[in-house]
Amino acid sequence: IAATALLFIPLDNNALNISVVIITFLLITFTK
């Protein structure tokens, strides 16, 4: 969780970055 936060903090808080993070999390969690 700390590594995730440290990698995400330097990014701009725009819709593209947040959606990429959310979509990646959902793909890892709910698909094979």
PDB file of all heavy atoms in Angstrom:
ATOM      1  N   ILE A   1       0.833  -1.204   0.000  1.00  0.00           N
ATOM      2  CA  ILE A   1       0.000   0.000   0.000  1.00  0.00           C
ATOM      3  C   ILE A   1       0.866   1.252   0.000  1.00  0.00           C
ATOM      4  O   ILE A   1       0.595   2.217  -0.724  1.00  0.00           O
ATOM      5  CB  ILE A   1      -0.964  -0.025   1.197  1.00  0.00           C
ATOM      6  CG1 ILE A   1      -1.994  -1.134   0.998  1.00  0.00           C
ATOM      7  CG2 ILE A   1      -1.653   1.319   1.386  1.00  0.00           C
ATOM      8  CD1 ILE A   1      -2.845  -1.416   2.207  1.00  0.00           C
ATOM      9  N   ALA A   2       1.944   1.256   0.784  1.00  0.00           N
ATOM     10  CA  ALA A   2       2.845   2.408   0.814  1.00  0.00           C
ATOM     11  C   ALA A   2       3.520   2.608  -0.541  1.00  0.00           C
ATOM     12  O   ALA A   2       3.652   3.745  -1.012  1.00  0.00           O
ATOM     13  CB  ALA A   2       3.891   2.222   1.909  1.00  0.00           C
ATOM     14  N   ALA A   3       3.952   1.525  -1.181  1.00  0.00           N
ATOM     15  CA  ALA A   3       4.582   1.638  -2.501  1.00  0.00           C
ATOM     16  C   ALA A   3       3.584   2.169  -3.523  1.00  0.00           C
ATOM     17  O   ALA A   3       3.940   3.000  -4.372  1.00  0.00           O
ATOM     18  CB  ALA A   3       5.119   0.276  -2.942  1.00  0.00           C
ATOM     19  N   THR A   4       2.345   1.721  -3.434  1.00  0.00           N
ATOM     20  CA  THR A   4       1.316   2.224  -4.336  1.00  0.00           C
ATOM     21  C   THR A   4       1.115   3.719  -4.148  1.00  0.00           C
ATOM     22  O   THR A   4       1.039   4.477  -5.121  1.00  0.00           O
ATOM     23  CB  THR A   4      -0.016   1.478  -4.085  1.00  0.00           C
ATOM     24  OG1 THR A   4       0.207   0.072  -4.259  1.00  0.00           O
ATOM     25  CG2 THR A   4      -1.085   1.943  -5.035  1.00  0.00           C
ATOM     26  N   ALA A   5       1.043   4.149  -2.902  1.00  0.00           N
ATOM     27  CA  ALA A   5       0.857   5.577  -2.631  1.00  0.00           C
ATOM     28  C   ALA A   5       2.054   6.386  -3.119  1.00  0.00           C
ATOM     29  O   ALA A   5       1.887   7.447  -3.734  1.00  0.00           O
ATOM     30  CB  ALA A   5       0.633   5.799  -1.138  1.00  0.00           C
ATOM     31  N   LEU A   6       3.264   5.899  -2.879  1.00  0.00           N
ATOM     32  CA  LEU A   6       4.457   6.630  -3.306  1.00  0.00           C
ATOM     33  C   LEU A   6       4.565   6.720  -4.828  1.00  0.00           C
ATOM     34  O   LEU A   6       5.081   7.704  -5.363  1.00  0.00           O
ATOM     35  CB  LEU A   6       5.718   5.973  -2.734  1.00  0.00           C
ATOM     36  CG  LEU A   6       5.912   6.153  -1.230  1.00  0.00           C
ATOM     37  CD1 LEU A   6       7.089   5.308  -0.754  1.00  0.00           C
ATOM     38  CD2 LEU A   6       6.136   7.620  -0.892  1.00  0.00           C
ATOM     39  N   LEU A   7       4.080   5.706  -5.526  1.00  0.00           N
ATOM     40  CA  LEU A   7       4.107   5.761  -6.982  1.00  0.00           C
ATOM     41  C   LEU A   7       2.994   6.639  -7.540  1.00  0.00           C
ATOM     42  O   LEU A   7       3.117   7.204  -8.620  1.00  0.00           O
ATOM     43  CB  LEU A   7       4.002   4.347  -7.567  1.00  0.00           C
ATOM     44  CG  LEU A   7       5.227   3.469  -7.392  1.00  0.00           C
ATOM     45  CD1 LEU A   7       4.921   2.040  -7.836  1.00  0.00           C
ATOM     46  CD2 LEU A   7       6.405   4.022  -8.153  1.00  0.00           C
ATOM     47  N   PHE A   8       1.882   6.752  -6.805  1.00  0.00           N
ATOM     48  CA  PHE A   8       0.742   7.517  -7.313  1.00  0.00           C
ATOM     49  C   PHE A   8       0.848   9.003  -6.987  1.00  0.00           C
ATOM     50  O   PHE A   8       0.338   9.832  -7.733  1.00  0.00           O
ATOM     51  CB  PHE A   8      -0.561   6.945  -6.737  1.00  0.00           C
ATOM     52  CG  PHE A   8      -1.788   7.529  -7.372  1.00  0.00           C
ATOM     53  CD1 PHE A   8      -2.145   7.163  -8.652  1.00  0.00           C
ATOM     54  CD2 PHE A   8      -2.574   8.444  -6.704  1.00  0.00           C
ATOM     55  CE1 PHE A   8      -3.259   7.701  -9.256  1.00  0.00           C
ATOM     56  CE2 PHE A   8      -3.696   8.985  -7.291  1.00  0.00           C
ATOM     57  CZ  PHE A   8      -4.042   8.610  -8.581  1.00  0.00           C
ATOM     58  N   ILE A   9       1.518   9.362  -5.901  1.00  0.00           N
ATOM     59  CA  ILE A   9       1.577  10.768  -5.464  1.00  0.00           C
ATOM     60  C   ILE A   9       2.172  11.697  -6.530  1.00  0.00           C
ATOM     61  O   ILE A   9       1.634  12.778  -6.756  1.00  0.00           O
ATOM     62  CB  ILE A   9       2.325  10.884  -4.122  1.00  0.00           C
ATOM     63  CG1 ILE A   9       1.428  10.361  -3.005  1.00  0.00           C
ATOM     64  CG2 ILE A   9       2.751  12.310  -3.831  1.00  0.00           C
ATOM     65  CD1 ILE A   9       2.111  10.249  -1.665  1.00  0.00           C
ATOM     66  N   PRO A  10       3.267  11.332  -7.215  1.00  0.00           N
ATOM     67  CA  PRO A  10       3.820  12.270  -8.205  1.00  0.00           C
ATOM     68  C   PRO A  10       2.936  12.475  -9.436  1.00  0.00           C
ATOM     69  O   PRO A  10       3.159  13.400 -10.204  1.00  0.00           O
ATOM     70  CB  PRO A  10       5.151  11.642  -8.622  1.00  0.00           C
ATOM     71  CG  PRO A  10       5.440  10.591  -7.646  1.00  0.00           C
ATOM     72  CD  PRO A  10       4.152  10.197  -7.020  1.00  0.00           C
ATOM     73  N   LEU A  11       1.950  11.626  -9.656  1.00  0.00           N
ATOM     74  CA  LEU A  11       1.101  11.751 -10.843  1.00  0.00           C
ATOM     75  C   LEU A  11       0.129  12.905 -10.691  1.00  0.00           C
ATOM     76  O   LEU A  11      -0.262  13.282  -9.588  1.00  0.00           O
ATOM     77  CB  LEU A  11       0.310  10.457 -11.065  1.00  0.00           C
ATOM     78  CG  LEU A  11       1.111   9.207 -11.376  1.00  0.00           C
ATOM     79  CD1 LEU A  11       0.184   8.018 -11.479  1.00  0.00           C
ATOM     80  CD2 LEU A  11       1.887   9.372 -12.657  1.00  0.00           C
ATOM     81  N   ASP A  12      -0.275  13.447 -11.817  1.00  0.00           N
ATOM     82  CA  ASP A  12      -1.328  14.456 -11.800  1.00  0.00           C
ATOM     83  C   ASP A  12      -2.646  13.792 -11.424  1.00  0.00           C
ATOM     84  O   ASP A  12      -2.940  12.673 -11.853  1.00  0.00           O
ATOM     85  CB  ASP A  12      -1.474  15.104 -13.180  1.00  0.00           C
ATOM     86  CG  ASP A  12      -0.240  15.888 -13.588  1.00  0.00           C
ATOM     87  OD1 ASP A  12       0.458  16.364 -12.674  1.00  0.00           O
ATOM     88  OD2 ASP A  12       0.008  16.015 -14.796  1.00  0.00           O
ATOM     89  N   ASN A  13      -3.436  14.481 -10.631  1.00  0.00           N
ATOM     90  CA  ASN A  13      -4.749  13.947 -10.244  1.00  0.00           C
ATOM     91  C   ASN A  13      -5.780  14.322 -11.306  1.00  0.00           C
ATOM     92  O   ASN A  13      -6.588  15.221 -11.128  1.00  0.00           O
ATOM     93  CB  ASN A  13      -5.168  14.483  -8.876  1.00  0.00           C
ATOM     94  CG  ASN A  13      -4.355  13.875  -7.768  1.00  0.00           C
ATOM     95  OD1 ASN A  13      -3.897  12.759  -7.889  1.00  0.00           O
ATOM     96  ND2 ASN A  13      -4.163  14.609  -6.694  1.00  0.00           N
ATOM     97  N   ASN A  14      -5.732  13.598 -12.417  1.00  0.00           N
ATOM     98  CA  ASN A  14      -6.737  13.814 -13.448  1.00  0.00           C
ATOM     99  C   ASN A  14      -7.529  12.534 -13.660  1.00  0.00           C
ATOM    100  O   ASN A  14      -7.205  11.481 -13.115  1.00  0.00           O
ATOM    101  CB  ASN A  14      -6.094  14.321 -14.750  1.00  0.00           C
ATOM    102  CG  ASN A  14      -5.055  13.366 -15.293  1.00  0.00           C
ATOM    103  OD1 ASN A  14      -5.120  12.172 -15.069  1.00  0.00           O
ATOM    104  ND2 ASN A  14      -4.081  13.913 -16.016  1.00  0.00           N
ATOM    105  N   ALA A  15      -8.561  12.626 -14.461  1.00  0.00           N
ATOM    106  CA  ALA A  15      -9.466  11.491 -14.651  1.00  0.00           C
ATOM    107  C   ALA A  15      -8.764  10.306 -15.306  1.00  0.00           C
ATOM    108  O   ALA A  15      -9.052   9.155 -14.972  1.00  0.00           O
ATOM    109  CB  ALA A  15     -10.672  11.921 -15.480  1.00  0.00           C
ATOM    110  N   LEU A  16      -7.832  10.574 -16.212  1.00  0.00           N
ATOM    111  CA  LEU A  16      -7.132   9.481 -16.895  1.00  0.00           C
ATOM    112  C   LEU A  16      -6.317   8.647 -15.923  1.00  0.00           C
ATOM    113  O   LEU A  16      -6.420   7.410 -15.909  1.00  0.00           O
ATOM    114  CB  LEU A  16      -6.228  10.033 -17.999  1.00  0.00           C
ATOM    115  CG  LEU A  16      -5.377   8.990 -18.732  1.00  0.00           C
ATOM    116  CD1 LEU A  16      -6.277   8.037 -19.510  1.00  0.00           C
ATOM    117  CD2 LEU A  16      -4.368   9.659 -19.620  1.00  0.00           C
ATOM    118  N   ASN A  17      -5.506   9.276 -15.093  1.00  0.00           N
ATOM    119  CA  ASN A  17      -4.661   8.534 -14.154  1.00  0.00           C
ATOM    120  C   ASN A  17      -5.487   7.753 -13.140  1.00  0.00           C
ATOM    121  O   ASN A  17      -5.197   6.589 -12.851  1.00  0.00           O
ATOM    122  CB  ASN A  17      -3.713   9.488 -13.436  1.00  0.00           C
ATOM    123  CG  ASN A  17      -2.645  10.028 -14.345  1.00  0.00           C
ATOM    124  OD1 ASN A  17      -2.326   9.425 -15.358  1.00  0.00           O
ATOM    125  ND2 ASN A  17      -2.109  11.174 -14.001  1.00  0.00           N
ATOM    126  N   ILE A  18      -6.506   8.396 -12.607  1.00  0.00           N
ATOM    127  CA  ILE A  18      -7.347   7.709 -11.613  1.00  0.00           C
ATOM    128  C   ILE A  18      -8.101   6.552 -12.248  1.00  0.00           C
ATOM    129  O   ILE A  18      -8.195   5.465 -11.671  1.00  0.00           O
ATOM    130  CB  ILE A  18      -8.297   8.721 -10.944  1.00  0.00           C
ATOM    131  CG1 ILE A  18      -7.473   9.715 -10.121  1.00  0.00           C
ATOM    132  CG2 ILE A  18      -9.324   8.018 -10.070  1.00  0.00           C
ATOM    133  CD1 ILE A  18      -8.256  10.869  -9.566  1.00  0.00           C
ATOM    134  N   SER A  19      -8.613   6.736 -13.469  1.00  0.00           N
ATOM    135  CA  SER A  19      -9.338   5.646 -14.122  1.00  0.00           C
ATOM    136  C   SER A  19      -8.409   4.491 -14.476  1.00  0.00           C
ATOM    137  O   SER A  19      -8.800   3.321 -14.375  1.00  0.00           O
ATOM    138  CB  SER A  19     -10.068   6.157 -15.361  1.00  0.00           C
ATOM    139  OG  SER A  19      -9.147   6.643 -16.306  1.00  0.00           O
ATOM    140  N   VAL A  20      -7.166   4.781 -14.868  1.00  0.00           N
ATOM    141  CA  VAL A  20      -6.213   3.704 -15.171  1.00  0.00           C
ATOM    142  C   VAL A  20      -5.932   2.884 -13.919  1.00  0.00           C
ATOM    143  O   VAL A  20      -5.891   1.652 -13.962  1.00  0.00           O
ATOM    144  CB  VAL A  20      -4.908   4.275 -15.777  1.00  0.00           C
ATOM    145  CG1 VAL A  20      -3.805   3.241 -15.776  1.00  0.00           C
ATOM    146  CG2 VAL A  20      -5.151   4.773 -17.172  1.00  0.00           C
ATOM    147  N   VAL A  21      -5.756   3.553 -12.785  1.00  0.00           N
ATOM    148  CA  VAL A  21      -5.507   2.844 -11.533  1.00  0.00           C
ATOM    149  C   VAL A  21      -6.710   1.973 -11.161  1.00  0.00           C
ATOM    150  O   VAL A  21      -6.558   0.799 -10.806  1.00  0.00           O
ATOM    151  CB  VAL A  21      -5.171   3.839 -10.398  1.00  0.00           C
ATOM    152  CG1 VAL A  21      -5.169   3.148  -9.055  1.00  0.00           C
ATOM    153  CG2 VAL A  21      -3.833   4.495 -10.658  1.00  0.00           C
ATOM    154  N   ILE A  22      -7.898   2.521 -11.255  1.00  0.00           N
ATOM    155  CA  ILE A  22      -9.107   1.771 -10.886  1.00  0.00           C
ATOM    156  C   ILE A  22      -9.334   0.597 -11.831  1.00  0.00           C
ATOM    157  O   ILE A  22      -9.614  -0.522 -11.391  1.00  0.00           O
ATOM    158  CB  ILE A  22     -10.329   2.713 -10.842  1.00  0.00           C
ATOM    159  CG1 ILE A  22     -10.186   3.692  -9.680  1.00  0.00           C
ATOM    160  CG2 ILE A  22     -11.624   1.919 -10.735  1.00  0.00           C
ATOM    161  CD1 ILE A  22     -11.217   4.796  -9.666  1.00  0.00           C
ATOM    162  N   ILE A  23      -9.181   0.829 -13.129  1.00  0.00           N
ATOM    163  CA  ILE A  23      -9.388  -0.255 -14.101  1.00  0.00           C
ATOM    164  C   ILE A  23      -8.344  -1.356 -13.912  1.00  0.00           C
ATOM    165  O   ILE A  23      -8.674  -2.544 -13.958  1.00  0.00           O
ATOM    166  CB  ILE A  23      -9.357   0.308 -15.538  1.00  0.00           C
ATOM    167  CG1 ILE A  23     -10.613   1.142 -15.790  1.00  0.00           C
ATOM    168  CG2 ILE A  23      -9.236  -0.802 -16.566  1.00  0.00           C
ATOM    169  CD1 ILE A  23     -10.573   1.948 -17.060  1.00  0.00           C
ATOM    170  N   THR A  24      -7.095  -0.978 -13.669  1.00  0.00           N
ATOM    171  CA  THR A  24      -6.052  -1.987 -13.431  1.00  0.00           C
ATOM    172  C   THR A  24      -6.358  -2.810 -12.188  1.00  0.00           C
ATOM    173  O   THR A  24      -6.233  -4.041 -12.199  1.00  0.00           O
ATOM    174  CB  THR A  24      -4.685  -1.305 -13.296  1.00  0.00           C
ATOM    175  OG1 THR A  24      -4.430  -0.526 -14.456  1.00  0.00           O
ATOM    176  CG2 THR A  24      -3.587  -2.332 -13.117  1.00  0.00           C
ATOM    177  N   PHE A  25      -6.769  -2.143 -11.121  1.00  0.00           N
ATOM    178  CA  PHE A  25      -7.125  -2.864  -9.893  1.00  0.00           C
ATOM    179  C   PHE A  25      -8.270  -3.840 -10.154  1.00  0.00           C
ATOM    180  O   PHE A  25      -8.219  -4.996  -9.722  1.00  0.00           O
ATOM    181  CB  PHE A  25      -7.515  -1.880  -8.792  1.00  0.00           C
ATOM    182  CG  PHE A  25      -8.030  -2.542  -7.554  1.00  0.00           C
ATOM    183  CD1 PHE A  25      -7.172  -3.167  -6.678  1.00  0.00           C
ATOM    184  CD2 PHE A  25      -9.391  -2.564  -7.281  1.00  0.00           C
ATOM    185  CE1 PHE A  25      -7.639  -3.801  -5.543  1.00  0.00           C
ATOM    186  CE2 PHE A  25      -9.871  -3.192  -6.147  1.00  0.00           C
ATOM    187  CZ  PHE A  25      -8.994  -3.809  -5.279  1.00  0.00           C
ATOM    188  N   LEU A  26      -9.293  -3.402 -10.867  1.00  0.00           N
ATOM    189  CA  LEU A  26     -10.431  -4.279 -11.154  1.00  0.00           C
ATOM    190  C   LEU A  26     -10.031  -5.450 -12.047  1.00  0.00           C
ATOM    191  O   LEU A  26     -10.497  -6.575 -11.834  1.00  0.00           O
ATOM    192  CB  LEU A  26     -11.563  -3.473 -11.794  1.00  0.00           C
ATOM    193  CG  LEU A  26     -12.221  -2.434 -10.887  1.00  0.00           C
ATOM    194  CD1 LEU A  26     -13.218  -1.596 -11.675  1.00  0.00           C
ATOM    195  CD2 LEU A  26     -12.895  -3.094  -9.702  1.00  0.00           C
ATOM    196  N   LEU A  27      -9.164  -5.193 -13.028  1.00  0.00           N
ATOM    197  CA  LEU A  27      -8.711  -6.285 -13.890  1.00  0.00           C
ATOM    198  C   LEU A  27      -7.907  -7.320 -13.111  1.00  0.00           C
ATOM    199  O   LEU A  27      -8.071  -8.529 -13.303  1.00  0.00           O
ATOM    200  CB  LEU A  27      -7.870  -5.731 -15.043  1.00  0.00           C
ATOM    201  CG  LEU A  27      -8.634  -5.042 -16.164  1.00  0.00           C
ATOM    202  CD1 LEU A  27      -7.662  -4.388 -17.136  1.00  0.00           C
ATOM    203  CD2 LEU A  27      -9.525  -6.015 -16.888  1.00  0.00           C
ATOM    204  N   ILE A  28      -7.040  -6.864 -12.220  1.00  0.00           N
ATOM    205  CA  ILE A  28      -6.229  -7.796 -11.434  1.00  0.00           C
ATOM    206  C   ILE A  28      -7.103  -8.571 -10.455  1.00  0.00           C
ATOM    207  O   ILE A  28      -6.909  -9.770 -10.238  1.00  0.00           O
ATOM    208  CB  ILE A  28      -5.108  -7.043 -10.698  1.00  0.00           C
ATOM    209  CG1 ILE A  28      -4.066  -6.572 -11.693  1.00  0.00           C
ATOM    210  CG2 ILE A  28      -4.452  -7.919  -9.634  1.00  0.00           C
ATOM    211  CD1 ILE A  28      -3.010  -5.671 -11.097  1.00  0.00           C
ATOM    212  N   THR A  29      -8.089  -7.898  -9.878  1.00  0.00           N
ATOM    213  CA  THR A  29      -8.907  -8.521  -8.839  1.00  0.00           C
ATOM    214  C   THR A  29      -9.948  -9.480  -9.408  1.00  0.00           C
ATOM    215  O   THR A  29     -10.144 -10.570  -8.867  1.00  0.00           O
ATOM    216  CB  THR A  29      -9.604  -7.434  -7.999  1.00  0.00           C
ATOM    217  OG1 THR A  29      -8.614  -6.553  -7.474  1.00  0.00           O
ATOM    218  CG2 THR A  29     -10.383  -8.055  -6.850  1.00  0.00           C
ATOM    219  N   PHE A  30     -10.601  -9.106 -10.489  1.00  0.00           N
ATOM    220  CA  PHE A  30     -11.783  -9.855 -10.927  1.00  0.00           C
ATOM    221  C   PHE A  30     -11.615 -10.625 -12.224  1.00  0.00           C
ATOM    222  O   PHE A  30     -12.578 -11.243 -12.690  1.00  0.00           O
ATOM    223  CB  PHE A  30     -12.978  -8.904 -11.053  1.00  0.00           C
ATOM    224  CG  PHE A  30     -13.370  -8.279  -9.743  1.00  0.00           C
ATOM    225  CD1 PHE A  30     -13.215  -6.928  -9.533  1.00  0.00           C
ATOM    226  CD2 PHE A  30     -13.876  -9.058  -8.708  1.00  0.00           C
ATOM    227  CE1 PHE A  30     -13.557  -6.350  -8.328  1.00  0.00           C
ATOM    228  CE2 PHE A  30     -14.223  -8.491  -7.507  1.00  0.00           C
ATOM    229  CZ  PHE A  30     -14.064  -7.136  -7.310  1.00  0.00           C
ATOM    230  N   THR A  31     -10.460 -10.602 -12.835  1.00  0.00           N
ATOM    231  CA  THR A  31     -10.256 -11.395 -14.048  1.00  0.00           C
ATOM    232  C   THR A  31      -9.074 -12.334 -13.836  1.00  0.00           C
ATOM    233  O   THR A  31      -8.367 -12.241 -12.845  1.00  0.00           O
ATOM    234  CB  THR A  31      -9.968 -10.500 -15.274  1.00  0.00           C
ATOM    235  OG1 THR A  31      -8.726  -9.842 -15.090  1.00  0.00           O
ATOM    236  CG2 THR A  31     -11.086  -9.499 -15.502  1.00  0.00           C
ATOM    237  N   LYS A  32      -8.884 -13.213 -14.780  1.00  0.00           N
ATOM    238  CA  LYS A  32      -7.764 -14.151 -14.700  1.00  0.00           C
ATOM    239  C   LYS A  32      -6.661 -13.782 -15.680  1.00  0.00           C
ATOM    240  O   LYS A  32      -5.848 -14.617 -16.054  1.00  0.00           O
ATOM    241  CB  LYS A  32      -8.256 -15.571 -14.964  1.00  0.00           C
ATOM    242  CG  LYS A  32      -9.174 -16.075 -13.884  1.00  0.00           C
ATOM    243  CD  LYS A  32      -9.521 -17.524 -14.070  1.00  0.00           C
ATOM    244  CE  LYS A  32     -10.420 -17.969 -12.925  1.00  0.00           C
ATOM    245  NZ  LYS A  32     -10.624 -19.393 -12.901  1.00  0.00           N
TER     246      LYS A  32
END
